[in-house]
């Protein structure tokens, strides 16, 4: 059975020069769509992607990632914003890996584009007014 899941991968700084994503494709037969990536030499990296493959290959690929020290977090949540609670402080903007939260420079309001949101939940804990939350 085919599996398709969005994941956030956190790469320790010692893995920046390793062919980890290539190995997911070549050895574990997983297709991937990179939604966002920030990988810098000798620093921790972050990648948000969708992985697609047969369930057995998918599970082996995830185990491979964990074995090489890559942090794996699955995305399954929908994020919602309570516009009455949002003060447009901008705390959420810097942590959003897909730019679903961005500042409208004309109005100085934080815009939330649900179409770009991948549900990584990074914005939820940084919102000081609890305006961003996981939709239940």
Protein backbone atom coordinates (compact mmCIF):
# COMPACT_ATOMS: atom_id res chain seq x y z
CA UNK A 1 0.00 0.00 0.00
CA UNK A 2 1.28 3.49 -0.89
CA UNK A 3 1.95 5.95 1.91
CA UNK A 4 2.21 9.73 1.54
CA UNK A 5 3.09 11.85 4.57
CA UNK A 6 4.49 15.29 5.22
CA UNK A 7 7.43 15.35 7.61
CA UNK A 8 9.76 17.84 9.24
CA UNK A 9 13.35 16.61 9.27
CA UNK A 10 15.93 18.15 11.59
CA UNK A 11 19.51 17.48 10.55
CA UNK A 12 22.31 17.60 13.13
CA UNK A 13 25.21 19.78 12.00
CA UNK A 14 27.48 16.77 11.36
CA UNK A 15 25.11 15.48 8.62
CA UNK A 16 25.07 18.53 6.32
CA UNK A 17 27.39 16.92 3.75
CA UNK A 18 25.80 13.44 3.72
CA UNK A 19 23.57 12.24 0.83
CA UNK A 20 20.67 11.46 3.14
CA UNK A 21 17.77 12.45 0.88
CA UNK A 22 19.45 10.78 -2.10
CA UNK A 23 19.70 7.60 -0.04
CA UNK A 24 15.97 7.79 0.79
CA UNK A 25 15.28 7.78 -2.93
CA UNK A 26 17.90 5.33 -4.19
CA UNK A 27 17.95 2.73 -1.40
CA UNK A 28 14.43 3.05 -0.01
CA UNK A 29 12.61 3.94 -3.26
CA UNK A 30 10.85 6.96 -1.75
CA UNK A 31 9.72 9.87 -3.86
CA UNK A 32 9.95 13.26 -2.22
CA UNK A 33 8.67 16.77 -2.71
CA UNK A 34 10.71 19.35 -0.83
CA UNK A 35 8.35 21.99 0.57
CA UNK A 36 11.01 23.99 2.42
CA UNK A 37 14.67 23.48 3.23
CA UNK A 38 17.40 25.31 5.09
CA UNK A 39 20.65 23.39 5.14
CA UNK A 40 23.84 25.30 5.91
CA UNK A 41 27.34 23.80 6.28
CA UNK A 42 28.23 22.97 9.88
CA UNK A 43 24.85 24.09 11.25
CA UNK A 44 21.65 22.29 12.16
CA UNK A 45 19.36 22.00 9.14
CA UNK A 46 15.61 21.84 8.65
CA UNK A 47 13.63 20.35 5.80
CA UNK A 48 9.87 20.04 5.33
CA UNK A 49 8.94 17.51 2.69
CA UNK A 50 6.34 15.04 1.53
CA UNK A 51 7.52 11.45 1.28
CA UNK A 52 5.69 8.93 -0.91
CA UNK A 53 6.32 5.21 -1.28
CA UNK A 54 5.24 1.71 -0.46
CA UNK A 55 4.55 1.25 3.26
CA UNK A 56 7.44 -1.15 3.85
CA UNK A 57 9.91 1.12 2.01
CA UNK A 58 8.50 4.14 3.86
CA UNK A 59 9.00 2.52 7.27
CA UNK A 60 12.56 1.43 6.41
CA UNK A 61 13.32 4.94 5.15
CA UNK A 62 12.11 6.51 8.40
CA UNK A 63 14.23 4.04 10.41
CA UNK A 64 17.25 4.95 8.26
CA UNK A 65 16.72 8.66 9.01
CA UNK A 66 16.57 7.99 12.74
CA UNK A 67 19.67 5.75 12.61
CA UNK A 68 21.76 8.54 11.05
CA UNK A 69 20.55 11.00 13.70
CA UNK A 70 17.96 12.94 11.72
CA UNK A 71 14.99 14.11 13.79
CA UNK A 72 11.67 13.09 12.23
CA UNK A 73 8.31 14.67 13.04
CA UNK A 74 5.16 13.86 11.10
CA UNK A 75 2.74 16.60 10.12
CA UNK A 76 -0.89 15.84 10.57
CA UNK A 77 -2.32 18.93 12.19
CA UNK A 78 -4.28 21.79 10.76
CA UNK A 79 -3.37 25.14 12.24
CA UNK A 80 -5.99 27.79 12.84
CA UNK A 81 -5.65 31.41 13.89
CA UNK A 82 -8.08 33.21 16.18
CA UNK A 83 -8.17 36.64 14.55
CA UNK A 84 -9.71 38.15 17.69
CA UNK A 85 -6.68 37.06 19.76
CA UNK A 86 -3.99 37.89 17.19
CA UNK A 87 -2.24 41.21 17.86
CA UNK A 88 -0.07 40.92 14.71
CA UNK A 89 3.09 41.01 16.81
CA UNK A 90 4.97 38.94 14.21
CA UNK A 91 6.52 36.41 16.61
CA UNK A 92 5.26 33.59 14.37
CA UNK A 93 6.76 34.87 11.13
CA UNK A 94 10.38 33.93 11.76
CA UNK A 95 9.63 30.28 12.61
CA UNK A 96 7.28 29.55 9.69
CA UNK A 97 9.23 27.36 7.22
CA UNK A 98 6.76 27.82 4.33
CA UNK A 99 5.99 31.54 4.66
CA UNK A 100 2.34 30.76 5.39
CA UNK A 101 2.67 33.52 7.99
CA UNK A 102 4.09 36.74 6.64
CA UNK A 103 3.96 40.46 7.23
CA UNK A 104 1.95 42.70 4.91
CA UNK A 105 4.30 45.68 4.80
CA UNK A 106 1.53 48.07 3.79
CA UNK A 107 -0.81 47.30 6.67
CA UNK A 108 1.78 45.83 9.10
CA UNK A 109 -0.63 42.94 9.66
CA UNK A 110 0.38 39.28 9.81
CA UNK A 111 -1.22 37.39 6.93
CA UNK A 112 -2.00 33.69 7.40
CA UNK A 113 -2.15 31.76 4.11
CA UNK A 114 -3.68 28.38 5.00
CA UNK A 115 -2.82 27.02 1.53
CA UNK A 116 0.90 27.35 2.28
CA UNK A 117 0.61 25.95 5.82
CA UNK A 118 1.94 22.40 6.17
CA UNK A 119 0.94 22.03 9.82
CA UNK A 120 4.47 21.85 11.23
CA UNK A 121 3.20 23.46 14.47
CA UNK A 122 6.35 25.58 14.93
CA UNK A 123 4.25 28.73 15.22
CA UNK A 124 1.96 27.47 17.99
CA UNK A 125 4.36 27.62 20.96
CA UNK A 126 5.87 30.99 19.96
CA UNK A 127 2.56 32.87 19.80
CA UNK A 128 2.45 34.87 23.06
CA UNK A 129 -1.32 35.41 22.79
CA UNK A 130 -2.23 31.78 21.91
CA UNK A 131 -3.90 32.97 18.71
CA UNK A 132 -2.40 30.09 16.73
CA UNK A 133 -3.49 26.61 17.69
CA UNK A 134 -3.93 23.09 16.45
CA UNK A 135 -7.36 22.54 15.00
CA UNK A 136 -9.12 19.61 16.66
